Amino acid sequence: MGENHFDRDGILRVKKEFQQQVSRENSYLFVANHTSIIDIMLMLVIVKNPFVFVGKEELAKIPVFGFFYRRTCILVNRSDTKSKTQVFKQAQRRLDSGLSICIFPEGLVPADESVVLHSFKRGAFKLAIEHQIPIVPMTFYDCKKRFSYTFFSGGPGFLRVKIHEFFETKGLDLNETTPLKNSTYELLYEDLIADQRSF
């Protein structure tokens, strides 16, 4: 049974539904669909556990935003194999210190706003299995229509978020990375489609 909460954090009005509660005592891998410039801020509002993002190195070049991004992210150059290897080492250090990790597994905001959910990359799920931490899938329903990349679009309203039941990784090995990725993708995709049909 979901538990709903309404919050205001600065200019953000958020409606959260929890299907499973996150413990402050544990480390997690948080994943969500990526549709908007507001996704990172929304994740910071929703997740109360200390965490770091794993994000694209290119974003660190954005003025002002990049300054803070570099300090809250593990940066990855997706075209550099060595960079990808370093991500896992840095993630291990952060997890060992009690932090959680957040990744948007699409790896990008789709340029075509009609795309419901872009395909997922494997890295997040490999990371979760290697470190045996639960995956917390989250659906962001409204970011695209509230804060899209299209000029003169969007509008006020709640940002709805669902925190789904976790995918446990204890006992899984790396051979199960792709099935875990697919299960997480299907959960979020079907949830987004169901939400679209409800309107």
C-alpha atoms as a PDB file:
ATOM      1  CA  MET A   1       0.000   0.000   0.000  1.00  0.00           C
ATOM      2  CA  GLY A   2       1.504   3.317  -1.029  1.00  0.00           C
ATOM      3  CA  GLU A   3       2.022   6.163   1.408  1.00  0.00           C
ATOM      4  CA  ASN A   4       1.556   9.705   0.086  1.00  0.00           C
ATOM      5  CA  HIS A   5       3.337  12.863   1.219  1.00  0.00           C
ATOM      6  CA  PHE A   6       3.005  16.457   0.039  1.00  0.00           C
ATOM      7  CA  ASP A   7       6.017  18.738   0.427  1.00  0.00           C
ATOM      8  CA  ARG A   8       7.124  22.195  -0.569  1.00  0.00           C
ATOM      9  CA  ASP A   9      10.841  22.728  -1.022  1.00  0.00           C
ATOM     10  CA  GLY A  10      11.523  26.268  -2.221  1.00  0.00           C
ATOM     11  CA  ILE A  11       9.696  26.598  -5.534  1.00  0.00           C
ATOM     12  CA  LEU A  12       9.092  22.843  -5.861  1.00  0.00           C
ATOM     13  CA  ARG A  13       5.797  21.312  -4.830  1.00  0.00           C
ATOM     14  CA  VAL A  14       6.208  17.570  -4.592  1.00  0.00           C
ATOM     15  CA  LYS A  15       3.780  14.693  -4.127  1.00  0.00           C
ATOM     16  CA  LYS A  16       5.590  11.506  -3.081  1.00  0.00           C
ATOM     17  CA  GLU A  17       4.213   7.981  -2.989  1.00  0.00           C
ATOM     18  CA  PHE A  18       6.261   5.374  -1.118  1.00  0.00           C
ATOM     19  CA  GLN A  19       5.738   1.687  -1.863  1.00  0.00           C
ATOM     20  CA  GLN A  20       8.730   0.905   0.349  1.00  0.00           C
ATOM     21  CA  GLN A  21      10.514   3.116   2.838  1.00  0.00           C
ATOM     22  CA  VAL A  22      14.185   3.983   2.539  1.00  0.00           C
ATOM     23  CA  SER A  23      16.278   3.465   5.677  1.00  0.00           C
ATOM     24  CA  ARG A  24      18.825   6.083   6.707  1.00  0.00           C
ATOM     25  CA  GLU A  25      21.065   3.216   7.880  1.00  0.00           C
ATOM     26  CA  ASN A  26      21.614   1.621   4.461  1.00  0.00           C
ATOM     27  CA  SER A  27      23.239   2.476   1.147  1.00  0.00           C
ATOM     28  CA  TYR A  28      21.183   2.279  -2.039  1.00  0.00           C
ATOM     29  CA  LEU A  29      21.373   2.821  -5.762  1.00  0.00           C
ATOM     30  CA  PHE A  30      18.632   5.308  -6.701  1.00  0.00           C
ATOM     31  CA  VAL A  31      17.494   5.258 -10.343  1.00  0.00           C
ATOM     32  CA  ALA A  32      14.837   7.324 -12.112  1.00  0.00           C
ATOM     33  CA  ASN A  33      13.684   8.279 -15.588  1.00  0.00           C
ATOM     34  CA  HIS A  34      15.438  11.350 -16.998  1.00  0.00           C
ATOM     35  CA  THR A  35      13.188  13.835 -18.793  1.00  0.00           C
ATOM     36  CA  SER A  36      13.993  17.361 -17.704  1.00  0.00           C
ATOM     37  CA  ILE A  37      16.432  19.956 -16.446  1.00  0.00           C
ATOM     38  CA  ILE A  38      14.701  19.736 -13.066  1.00  0.00           C
ATOM     39  CA  ASP A  39      15.395  16.015 -12.460  1.00  0.00           C
ATOM     40  CA  ILE A  40      18.601  16.549 -10.495  1.00  0.00           C
ATOM     41  CA  MET A  41      17.004  19.111  -8.205  1.00  0.00           C
ATOM     42  CA  LEU A  42      13.976  16.875  -7.657  1.00  0.00           C
ATOM     43  CA  MET A  43      16.227  13.950  -6.713  1.00  0.00           C
ATOM     44  CA  LEU A  44      17.950  16.157  -4.143  1.00  0.00           C
ATOM     45  CA  VAL A  45      14.541  17.040  -2.671  1.00  0.00           C
ATOM     46  CA  ILE A  46      13.239  13.453  -2.578  1.00  0.00           C
ATOM     47  CA  VAL A  47      16.251  11.536  -1.284  1.00  0.00           C
ATOM     48  CA  LYS A  48      17.113  12.318   2.323  1.00  0.00           C
ATOM     49  CA  ASN A  49      20.012   9.848   2.503  1.00  0.00           C
ATOM     50  CA  PRO A  50      23.453  11.330   1.780  1.00  0.00           C
ATOM     51  CA  PHE A  51      24.301  10.405  -1.816  1.00  0.00           C
ATOM     52  CA  VAL A  52      26.327  11.329  -4.873  1.00  0.00           C
ATOM     53  CA  PHE A  53      25.349  11.323  -8.535  1.00  0.00           C
ATOM     54  CA  VAL A  54      27.165   9.467 -11.255  1.00  0.00           C
ATOM     55  CA  GLY A  55      26.902  11.827 -14.209  1.00  0.00           C
ATOM     56  CA  LYS A  56      28.302  12.872 -17.543  1.00  0.00           C
ATOM     57  CA  GLU A  57      31.588  14.743 -17.448  1.00  0.00           C
ATOM     58  CA  GLU A  58      30.359  17.246 -20.070  1.00  0.00           C
ATOM     59  CA  LEU A  59      27.858  18.790 -17.649  1.00  0.00           C
ATOM     60  CA  ALA A  60      30.692  20.012 -15.449  1.00  0.00           C
ATOM     61  CA  LYS A  61      31.459  22.620 -18.154  1.00  0.00           C
ATOM     62  CA  ILE A  62      28.141  24.441 -17.654  1.00  0.00           C
ATOM     63  CA  PRO A  63      28.773  27.801 -15.922  1.00  0.00           C
ATOM     64  CA  VAL A  64      27.761  27.963 -12.230  1.00  0.00           C
ATOM     65  CA  PHE A  65      25.882  24.640 -12.406  1.00  0.00           C
ATOM     66  CA  GLY A  66      29.115  22.852 -13.274  1.00  0.00           C
ATOM     67  CA  PHE A  67      30.845  24.212 -10.169  1.00  0.00           C
ATOM     68  CA  PHE A  68      28.345  22.480  -7.855  1.00  0.00           C
ATOM     69  CA  TYR A  69      27.937  19.478 -10.137  1.00  0.00           C
ATOM     70  CA  ARG A  70      31.640  18.609  -9.892  1.00  0.00           C
ATOM     71  CA  ARG A  71      31.392  18.625  -6.078  1.00  0.00           C
ATOM     72  CA  THR A  72      28.353  16.353  -5.872  1.00  0.00           C
ATOM     73  CA  CYS A  73      29.106  13.924  -8.696  1.00  0.00           C
ATOM     74  CA  ILE A  74      31.315  11.084  -9.742  1.00  0.00           C
ATOM     75  CA  LEU A  75      32.095  12.220 -13.283  1.00  0.00           C
ATOM     76  CA  VAL A  76      32.254   9.744 -16.146  1.00  0.00           C
ATOM     77  CA  ASN A  77      33.464  10.128 -19.715  1.00  0.00           C
ATOM     78  CA  ARG A  78      31.385   7.479 -21.466  1.00  0.00           C
ATOM     79  CA  SER A  79      33.778   7.300 -24.422  1.00  0.00           C
ATOM     80  CA  ASP A  80      36.735   6.472 -22.156  1.00  0.00           C
ATOM     81  CA  THR A  81      37.022   2.913 -20.808  1.00  0.00           C
ATOM     82  CA  LYS A  82      39.492   4.006 -18.122  1.00  0.00           C
ATOM     83  CA  SER A  83      37.018   6.643 -16.906  1.00  0.00           C
ATOM     84  CA  LYS A  84      34.300   4.008 -16.575  1.00  0.00           C
ATOM     85  CA  THR A  85      36.649   1.827 -14.513  1.00  0.00           C
ATOM     86  CA  GLN A  86      37.440   4.758 -12.213  1.00  0.00           C
ATOM     87  CA  VAL A  87      33.712   5.274 -11.574  1.00  0.00           C
ATOM     88  CA  PHE A  88      33.484   1.881  -9.911  1.00  0.00           C
ATOM     89  CA  LYS A  89      36.498   2.578  -7.722  1.00  0.00           C
ATOM     90  CA  GLN A  90      35.136   5.976  -6.654  1.00  0.00           C
ATOM     91  CA  ALA A  91      31.697   4.476  -6.032  1.00  0.00           C
ATOM     92  CA  GLN A  92      33.238   1.830  -3.781  1.00  0.00           C
ATOM     93  CA  ARG A  93      34.900   4.528  -1.666  1.00  0.00           C
ATOM     94  CA  ARG A  94      31.635   6.471  -1.367  1.00  0.00           C
ATOM     95  CA  LEU A  95      29.643   3.358  -0.473  1.00  0.00           C
ATOM     96  CA  ASP A  96      32.261   2.327   2.086  1.00  0.00           C
ATOM     97  CA  SER A  97      31.794   5.725   3.738  1.00  0.00           C
ATOM     98  CA  GLY A  98      28.030   5.149   4.019  1.00  0.00           C
ATOM     99  CA  LEU A  99      26.828   7.166   1.028  1.00  0.00           C
ATOM    100  CA  SER A 100      24.291   6.082  -1.572  1.00  0.00           C
ATOM    101  CA  ILE A 101      24.574   6.509  -5.344  1.00  0.00           C
ATOM    102  CA  CYS A 102      22.138   8.034  -7.849  1.00  0.00           C
ATOM    103  CA  ILE A 103      22.215   7.291 -11.571  1.00  0.00           C
ATOM    104  CA  PHE A 104      19.808   8.149 -14.384  1.00  0.00           C
ATOM    105  CA  PRO A 105      20.273   4.913 -16.376  1.00  0.00           C
ATOM    106  CA  GLU A 106      19.049   6.401 -19.676  1.00  0.00           C
ATOM    107  CA  GLY A 107      22.276   8.390 -19.625  1.00  0.00           C
ATOM    108  CA  LEU A 108      20.648  11.372 -21.328  1.00  0.00           C
ATOM    109  CA  VAL A 109      17.493  13.424 -21.660  1.00  0.00           C
ATOM    110  CA  PRO A 110      15.921  12.248 -24.951  1.00  0.00           C
ATOM    111  CA  ALA A 111      15.833  15.074 -27.521  1.00  0.00           C
ATOM    112  CA  ASP A 112      12.493  13.753 -28.756  1.00  0.00           C
ATOM    113  CA  GLU A 113      10.002  14.669 -26.027  1.00  0.00           C
ATOM    114  CA  SER A 114       7.570  12.007 -27.273  1.00  0.00           C
ATOM    115  CA  VAL A 115       9.946   9.267 -26.035  1.00  0.00           C
ATOM    116  CA  VAL A 116       8.401   7.773 -22.895  1.00  0.00           C
ATOM    117  CA  LEU A 117      11.583   6.100 -21.649  1.00  0.00           C
ATOM    118  CA  HIS A 118      14.905   5.764 -23.459  1.00  0.00           C
ATOM    119  CA  SER A 119      16.797   2.459 -23.295  1.00  0.00           C
ATOM    120  CA  PHE A 120      18.831   1.854 -20.134  1.00  0.00           C
ATOM    121  CA  LYS A 121      22.583   1.415 -19.953  1.00  0.00           C
ATOM    122  CA  ARG A 122      23.988  -1.497 -17.919  1.00  0.00           C
ATOM    123  CA  GLY A 123      26.428   0.397 -15.700  1.00  0.00           C
ATOM    124  CA  ALA A 124      24.041   1.225 -12.849  1.00  0.00           C
ATOM    125  CA  PHE A 125      22.883  -2.362 -12.522  1.00  0.00           C
ATOM    126  CA  LYS A 126      26.385  -3.787 -12.686  1.00  0.00           C
ATOM    127  CA  LEU A 127      27.376  -1.352  -9.943  1.00  0.00           C
ATOM    128  CA  ALA A 128      24.462  -2.415  -7.723  1.00  0.00           C
ATOM    129  CA  ILE A 129      25.263  -6.115  -8.132  1.00  0.00           C
ATOM    130  CA  GLU A 130      28.995  -5.646  -7.552  1.00  0.00           C
ATOM    131  CA  HIS A 131      28.286  -3.809  -4.298  1.00  0.00           C
ATOM    132  CA  GLN A 132      25.225  -5.899  -3.366  1.00  0.00           C
ATOM    133  CA  ILE A 133      23.052  -2.843  -2.648  1.00  0.00           C
ATOM    134  CA  PRO A 134      19.311  -2.523  -3.322  1.00  0.00           C
ATOM    135  CA  ILE A 135      18.088  -0.639  -6.376  1.00  0.00           C
ATOM    136  CA  VAL A 136      15.405   1.951  -5.586  1.00  0.00           C
ATOM    137  CA  PRO A 137      13.396   2.607  -8.779  1.00  0.00           C
ATOM    138  CA  MET A 138      11.666   6.002  -8.896  1.00  0.00           C
ATOM    139  CA  THR A 139       9.175   7.356 -11.412  1.00  0.00           C
ATOM    140  CA  PHE A 140       9.230  11.104 -12.124  1.00  0.00           C
ATOM    141  CA  TYR A 141       5.873  11.749 -13.800  1.00  0.00           C
ATOM    142  CA  ASP A 142       5.661  15.487 -14.368  1.00  0.00           C
ATOM    143  CA  CYS A 143       9.136  16.953 -14.884  1.00  0.00           C
ATOM    144  CA  LYS A 144       8.866  16.993 -18.675  1.00  0.00           C
ATOM    145  CA  LYS A 145       5.591  18.918 -18.739  1.00  0.00           C
ATOM    146  CA  ARG A 146       6.558  21.275 -15.895  1.00  0.00           C
ATOM    147  CA  PHE A 147      10.177  22.040 -16.896  1.00  0.00           C
ATOM    148  CA  SER A 148      10.943  20.797 -20.407  1.00  0.00           C
ATOM    149  CA  TYR A 149      13.820  21.917 -22.611  1.00  0.00           C
ATOM    150  CA  THR A 150      11.331  23.532 -25.007  1.00  0.00           C
ATOM    151  CA  PHE A 151      11.198  27.303 -24.571  1.00  0.00           C
ATOM    152  CA  PHE A 152       7.889  28.833 -23.464  1.00  0.00           C
ATOM    153  CA  SER A 153       6.514  25.467 -22.359  1.00  0.00           C
ATOM    154  CA  GLY A 154       5.703  24.008 -18.966  1.00  0.00           C
ATOM    155  CA  GLY A 155       3.706  25.401 -16.113  1.00  0.00           C
ATOM    156  CA  PRO A 156       3.014  25.292 -12.385  1.00  0.00           C
ATOM    157  CA  GLY A 157       1.805  22.262 -10.469  1.00  0.00           C
ATOM    158  CA  PHE A 158       2.891  19.336  -8.338  1.00  0.00           C
ATOM    159  CA  LEU A 159       5.797  17.102  -9.296  1.00  0.00           C
ATOM    160  CA  ARG A 160       4.620  13.562  -8.603  1.00  0.00           C
ATOM    161  CA  VAL A 161       7.161  10.898  -7.663  1.00  0.00           C
ATOM    162  CA  LYS A 162       6.659   7.214  -6.906  1.00  0.00           C
ATOM    163  CA  ILE A 163       9.293   5.312  -4.940  1.00  0.00           C
ATOM    164  CA  HIS A 164       8.726   1.686  -5.965  1.00  0.00           C
ATOM    165  CA  GLU A 165       9.507  -1.494  -4.081  1.00  0.00           C
ATOM    166  CA  PHE A 166      13.225  -2.160  -4.232  1.00  0.00           C
ATOM    167  CA  PHE A 167      15.069  -4.677  -6.369  1.00  0.00           C
ATOM    168  CA  GLU A 168      17.366  -6.605  -4.044  1.00  0.00           C
ATOM    169  CA  THR A 169      20.765  -7.630  -5.396  1.00  0.00           C
ATOM    170  CA  LYS A 170      22.142  -9.788  -2.579  1.00  0.00           C
ATOM    171  CA  GLY A 171      23.177 -13.124  -4.002  1.00  0.00           C
ATOM    172  CA  LEU A 172      23.035 -11.937  -7.623  1.00  0.00           C
ATOM    173  CA  ASP A 173      26.077 -12.197  -9.881  1.00  0.00           C
ATOM    174  CA  LEU A 174      27.058 -10.165 -12.919  1.00  0.00           C
ATOM    175  CA  ASN A 175      25.367 -12.641 -15.283  1.00  0.00           C
ATOM    176  CA  GLU A 176      22.088 -11.213 -13.987  1.00  0.00           C
ATOM    177  CA  THR A 177      22.930  -7.600 -14.855  1.00  0.00           C
ATOM    178  CA  THR A 178      20.872  -7.507 -18.048  1.00  0.00           C
ATOM    179  CA  PRO A 179      17.758  -9.182 -16.575  1.00  0.00           C
ATOM    180  CA  LEU A 180      17.924  -6.747 -13.632  1.00  0.00           C
ATOM    181  CA  LYS A 181      18.248  -3.808 -16.030  1.00  0.00           C
ATOM    182  CA  ASN A 182      15.306  -5.073 -18.094  1.00  0.00           C
ATOM    183  CA  SER A 183      13.088  -5.616 -15.041  1.00  0.00           C
ATOM    184  CA  THR A 184      13.764  -2.086 -13.806  1.00  0.00           C
ATOM    185  CA  TYR A 185      13.131  -0.626 -17.255  1.00  0.00           C
ATOM    186  CA  GLU A 186       9.838  -2.509 -17.655  1.00  0.00           C
ATOM    187  CA  LEU A 187       8.641  -1.388 -14.218  1.00  0.00           C
ATOM    188  CA  LEU A 188       9.216   2.309 -14.959  1.00  0.00           C
ATOM    189  CA  TYR A 189       8.009   2.122 -18.565  1.00  0.00           C
ATOM    190  CA  GLU A 190       4.750   0.396 -17.672  1.00  0.00           C
ATOM    191  CA  ASP A 191       4.179   2.832 -14.807  1.00  0.00           C
ATOM    192  CA  LEU A 192       4.690   5.840 -17.102  1.00  0.00           C
ATOM    193  CA  ILE A 193       2.368   4.390 -19.755  1.00  0.00           C
ATOM    194  CA  ALA A 194      -0.319   3.647 -17.150  1.00  0.00           C
ATOM    195  CA  ASP A 195      -0.063   7.206 -15.892  1.00  0.00           C
ATOM    196  CA  GLN A 196      -0.464   8.607 -19.417  1.00  0.00           C
ATOM    197  CA  ARG A 197      -3.575   6.499 -19.953  1.00  0.00           C
ATOM    198  CA  SER A 198      -5.130   7.754 -16.710  1.00  0.00           C
ATOM    199  CA  PHE A 199      -5.507  11.275 -18.147  1.00  0.00           C
END
